[in-house]
């Protein structure tokens, strides 16, 4: 199962991680467009509501530490996506000023003609520090903050976006649940 999870990440998705203020300043909206238009599989049932339910069910069904917990959705990892670090104030959903350029580049990509016909999930993730319920709530607030910035400041139509927080329930590096690489935002193409 874990090997299949890694295979999904590396073989089937256009997953990029951009971290740090310097890397964010080098981020190009063309990279985002290229990653998001590669539909390796036709999206079937991945929705914000389903992912929220899976995250809540995971917390109830498997209490305890995050080490080697299976991913919520293998299908999620097979969809065209772009992963980026967005910095927030500590334990809050306030986007830090150094990340607004990144949010703007995401908006530029979403306005690109090749992506206009698609809908996207904005998925917030945390590491495993803190309580799972608190991480789930914080990641939802952060995903909502990005959605709000994209729709209000950058005029991306709200009908094209859904926000969902998965907390620590879909770790990028399950072997190291408290690693910084687990704190990220995914933009996932869920079709038209």
Protein backbone atom coordinates (compact mmCIF):
# COMPACT_ATOMS: atom_id res chain seq x y z
CA UNK A 1 0.00 0.00 0.00
CA UNK A 2 2.74 2.45 0.97
CA UNK A 3 4.72 1.63 -2.19
CA UNK A 4 1.60 2.20 -4.32
CA UNK A 5 1.13 5.53 -2.54
CA UNK A 6 4.68 6.61 -3.43
CA UNK A 7 4.26 5.35 -6.96
CA UNK A 8 1.12 7.43 -7.30
CA UNK A 9 2.97 10.50 -6.16
CA UNK A 10 5.99 10.07 -8.41
CA UNK A 11 4.62 8.32 -11.50
CA UNK A 12 1.11 9.66 -12.00
CA UNK A 13 1.09 13.26 -10.88
CA UNK A 14 2.75 16.45 -11.86
CA UNK A 15 3.59 17.22 -8.28
CA UNK A 16 5.99 20.04 -7.57
CA UNK A 17 7.04 21.43 -4.22
CA UNK A 18 8.21 24.99 -4.06
CA UNK A 19 9.33 26.15 -0.65
CA UNK A 20 10.84 29.19 0.96
CA UNK A 21 10.57 32.85 0.03
CA UNK A 22 13.39 32.63 -2.53
CA UNK A 23 11.82 29.69 -4.33
CA UNK A 24 8.42 31.42 -4.23
CA UNK A 25 9.88 34.45 -6.00
CA UNK A 26 11.16 32.15 -8.79
CA UNK A 27 7.80 30.41 -9.20
CA UNK A 28 6.37 30.86 -12.67
CA UNK A 29 2.65 30.65 -13.44
CA UNK A 30 3.61 28.67 -16.58
CA UNK A 31 4.92 25.88 -14.33
CA UNK A 32 1.58 25.79 -12.56
CA UNK A 33 -0.37 25.71 -15.85
CA UNK A 34 1.80 22.90 -17.19
CA UNK A 35 1.31 20.81 -14.04
CA UNK A 36 -2.44 21.38 -13.82
CA UNK A 37 -3.32 20.64 -17.43
CA UNK A 38 -1.79 17.15 -17.40
CA UNK A 39 -4.83 15.01 -16.79
CA UNK A 40 -3.32 11.53 -16.45
CA UNK A 41 -6.63 10.12 -15.30
CA UNK A 42 -10.16 11.37 -15.68
CA UNK A 43 -11.30 12.62 -12.27
CA UNK A 44 -14.14 10.53 -10.96
CA UNK A 45 -15.28 10.98 -7.41
CA UNK A 46 -12.84 13.34 -5.70
CA UNK A 47 -14.79 16.20 -4.12
CA UNK A 48 -14.22 18.53 -1.20
CA UNK A 49 -17.15 16.98 0.67
CA UNK A 50 -15.84 13.44 0.18
CA UNK A 51 -12.33 14.38 1.30
CA UNK A 52 -13.71 16.15 4.39
CA UNK A 53 -15.69 13.04 5.30
CA UNK A 54 -12.68 10.77 4.73
CA UNK A 55 -10.52 12.99 6.97
CA UNK A 56 -13.10 13.00 9.78
CA UNK A 57 -13.62 9.25 9.45
CA UNK A 58 -9.85 8.68 9.56
CA UNK A 59 -9.53 10.58 12.83
CA UNK A 60 -12.31 8.53 14.41
CA UNK A 61 -11.20 5.17 13.00
CA UNK A 62 -7.45 5.43 13.56
CA UNK A 63 -6.65 7.50 16.64
CA UNK A 64 -3.06 7.92 17.59
CA UNK A 65 0.17 8.99 15.93
CA UNK A 66 0.42 9.71 12.22
CA UNK A 67 3.41 7.45 11.59
CA UNK A 68 2.75 5.25 8.54
CA UNK A 69 -0.97 5.99 8.41
CA UNK A 70 -2.32 5.10 4.95
CA UNK A 71 -3.31 7.97 2.62
CA UNK A 72 -6.97 9.02 2.53
CA UNK A 73 -7.23 8.89 -1.24
CA UNK A 74 -4.95 7.16 -3.72
CA UNK A 75 -7.00 8.72 -6.51
CA UNK A 76 -6.16 12.21 -5.28
CA UNK A 77 -2.49 11.56 -5.94
CA UNK A 78 -3.17 10.51 -9.53
CA UNK A 79 -4.81 13.81 -10.51
CA UNK A 80 -3.05 16.75 -12.13
CA UNK A 81 -1.86 18.97 -9.30
CA UNK A 82 0.58 21.54 -8.13
CA UNK A 83 1.90 21.72 -4.58
CA UNK A 84 3.27 24.89 -3.07
CA UNK A 85 4.21 26.29 0.30
CA UNK A 86 2.08 29.21 1.44
CA UNK A 87 3.26 30.83 4.65
CA UNK A 88 0.72 31.69 7.34
CA UNK A 89 1.04 33.40 10.69
CA UNK A 90 1.67 30.82 13.41
CA UNK A 91 -1.46 28.80 14.26
CA UNK A 92 -3.60 31.11 12.13
CA UNK A 93 -5.15 31.39 8.67
CA UNK A 94 -3.63 34.80 7.95
CA UNK A 95 -1.55 34.56 4.77
CA UNK A 96 1.87 36.10 5.32
CA UNK A 97 2.79 38.96 2.95
CA UNK A 98 5.74 37.00 1.53
CA UNK A 99 3.27 34.48 0.08
CA UNK A 100 0.97 36.87 -1.79
CA UNK A 101 3.18 36.77 -4.86
CA UNK A 102 2.74 32.98 -4.91
CA UNK A 103 -1.04 33.30 -4.56
CA UNK A 104 -0.96 35.82 -7.43
CA UNK A 105 0.93 33.39 -9.63
CA UNK A 106 -1.61 30.69 -8.84
CA UNK A 107 -4.33 33.16 -9.90
CA UNK A 108 -2.44 33.96 -13.12
CA UNK A 109 -2.34 30.24 -13.91
CA UNK A 110 -6.06 29.81 -13.19
CA UNK A 111 -6.81 32.66 -15.63
CA UNK A 112 -4.74 30.95 -18.36
CA UNK A 113 -6.86 29.92 -21.39
CA UNK A 114 -5.78 26.28 -21.11
CA UNK A 115 -7.23 26.03 -17.59
CA UNK A 116 -10.40 28.12 -17.93
CA UNK A 117 -12.69 25.13 -18.40
CA UNK A 118 -11.55 23.31 -15.26
CA UNK A 119 -12.52 23.24 -11.59
CA UNK A 120 -9.96 22.92 -8.79
CA UNK A 121 -9.67 21.82 -5.21
CA UNK A 122 -7.54 23.93 -2.90
CA UNK A 123 -6.33 21.47 -0.28
CA UNK A 124 -4.62 22.60 2.91
CA UNK A 125 -2.32 20.24 4.82
CA UNK A 126 -0.48 20.44 8.14
CA UNK A 127 2.24 18.40 9.74
CA UNK A 128 1.41 16.15 12.70
CA UNK A 129 2.35 18.61 15.44
CA UNK A 130 -0.65 19.36 17.63
CA UNK A 131 -4.00 17.60 17.79
CA UNK A 132 -5.53 16.01 14.73
CA UNK A 133 -8.90 17.78 15.10
CA UNK A 134 -7.16 21.14 15.56
CA UNK A 135 -4.95 20.48 12.52
CA UNK A 136 -8.01 19.57 10.47
CA UNK A 137 -9.76 22.80 11.44
CA UNK A 138 -6.65 24.96 10.87
CA UNK A 139 -6.00 23.46 7.44
CA UNK A 140 -9.63 24.12 6.42
CA UNK A 141 -9.34 27.76 7.55
CA UNK A 142 -6.12 28.13 5.56
CA UNK A 143 -7.61 26.57 2.42
CA UNK A 144 -10.59 28.92 2.82
CA UNK A 145 -8.21 31.90 3.15
CA UNK A 146 -6.50 31.01 -0.12
CA UNK A 147 -9.85 30.55 -1.85
CA UNK A 148 -10.96 33.95 -0.55
CA UNK A 149 -7.75 35.62 -1.73
CA UNK A 150 -8.06 34.03 -5.18
CA UNK A 151 -11.69 35.02 -5.59
CA UNK A 152 -11.66 38.51 -4.05
CA UNK A 153 -8.19 39.89 -4.76
CA UNK A 154 -7.51 38.04 -8.01
CA UNK A 155 -11.02 37.62 -9.49
CA UNK A 156 -10.93 33.85 -9.98
CA UNK A 157 -14.58 32.75 -10.26
CA UNK A 158 -15.65 31.05 -7.02
CA UNK A 159 -17.61 28.40 -8.98
CA UNK A 160 -14.28 26.98 -10.20
CA UNK A 161 -12.83 26.46 -6.71
CA UNK A 162 -13.56 24.40 -3.62
CA UNK A 163 -11.49 24.49 -0.44
CA UNK A 164 -10.84 21.56 1.85
CA UNK A 165 -8.50 21.06 4.78
CA UNK A 166 -7.07 17.63 5.41
CA UNK A 167 -4.92 18.49 8.40
CA UNK A 168 -2.36 15.73 8.89
CA UNK A 169 -4.53 13.02 7.32
CA UNK A 170 -2.72 12.89 3.92
CA UNK A 171 0.92 13.36 4.85
CA UNK A 172 3.42 13.84 2.07
CA UNK A 173 6.11 12.12 4.14
CA UNK A 174 4.35 9.63 6.43
CA UNK A 175 7.65 8.33 7.80
CA UNK A 176 8.38 11.84 9.15
CA UNK A 177 4.97 13.19 10.21
CA UNK A 178 6.32 16.39 11.79
CA UNK A 179 8.51 17.34 8.79
CA UNK A 180 7.97 20.72 7.16
CA UNK A 181 7.32 19.08 3.78
CA UNK A 182 3.93 17.95 5.12
CA UNK A 183 2.80 21.60 5.52
CA UNK A 184 1.62 22.48 2.04
CA UNK A 185 -1.20 23.57 -0.21
CA UNK A 186 -2.27 21.48 -3.19
CA UNK A 187 -4.15 22.81 -6.17
CA UNK A 188 -5.83 19.80 -7.82
CA UNK A 189 -7.57 19.72 -11.18
CA UNK A 190 -10.88 17.87 -10.74
CA UNK A 191 -12.09 18.26 -14.32
CA UNK A 192 -14.68 20.42 -16.04
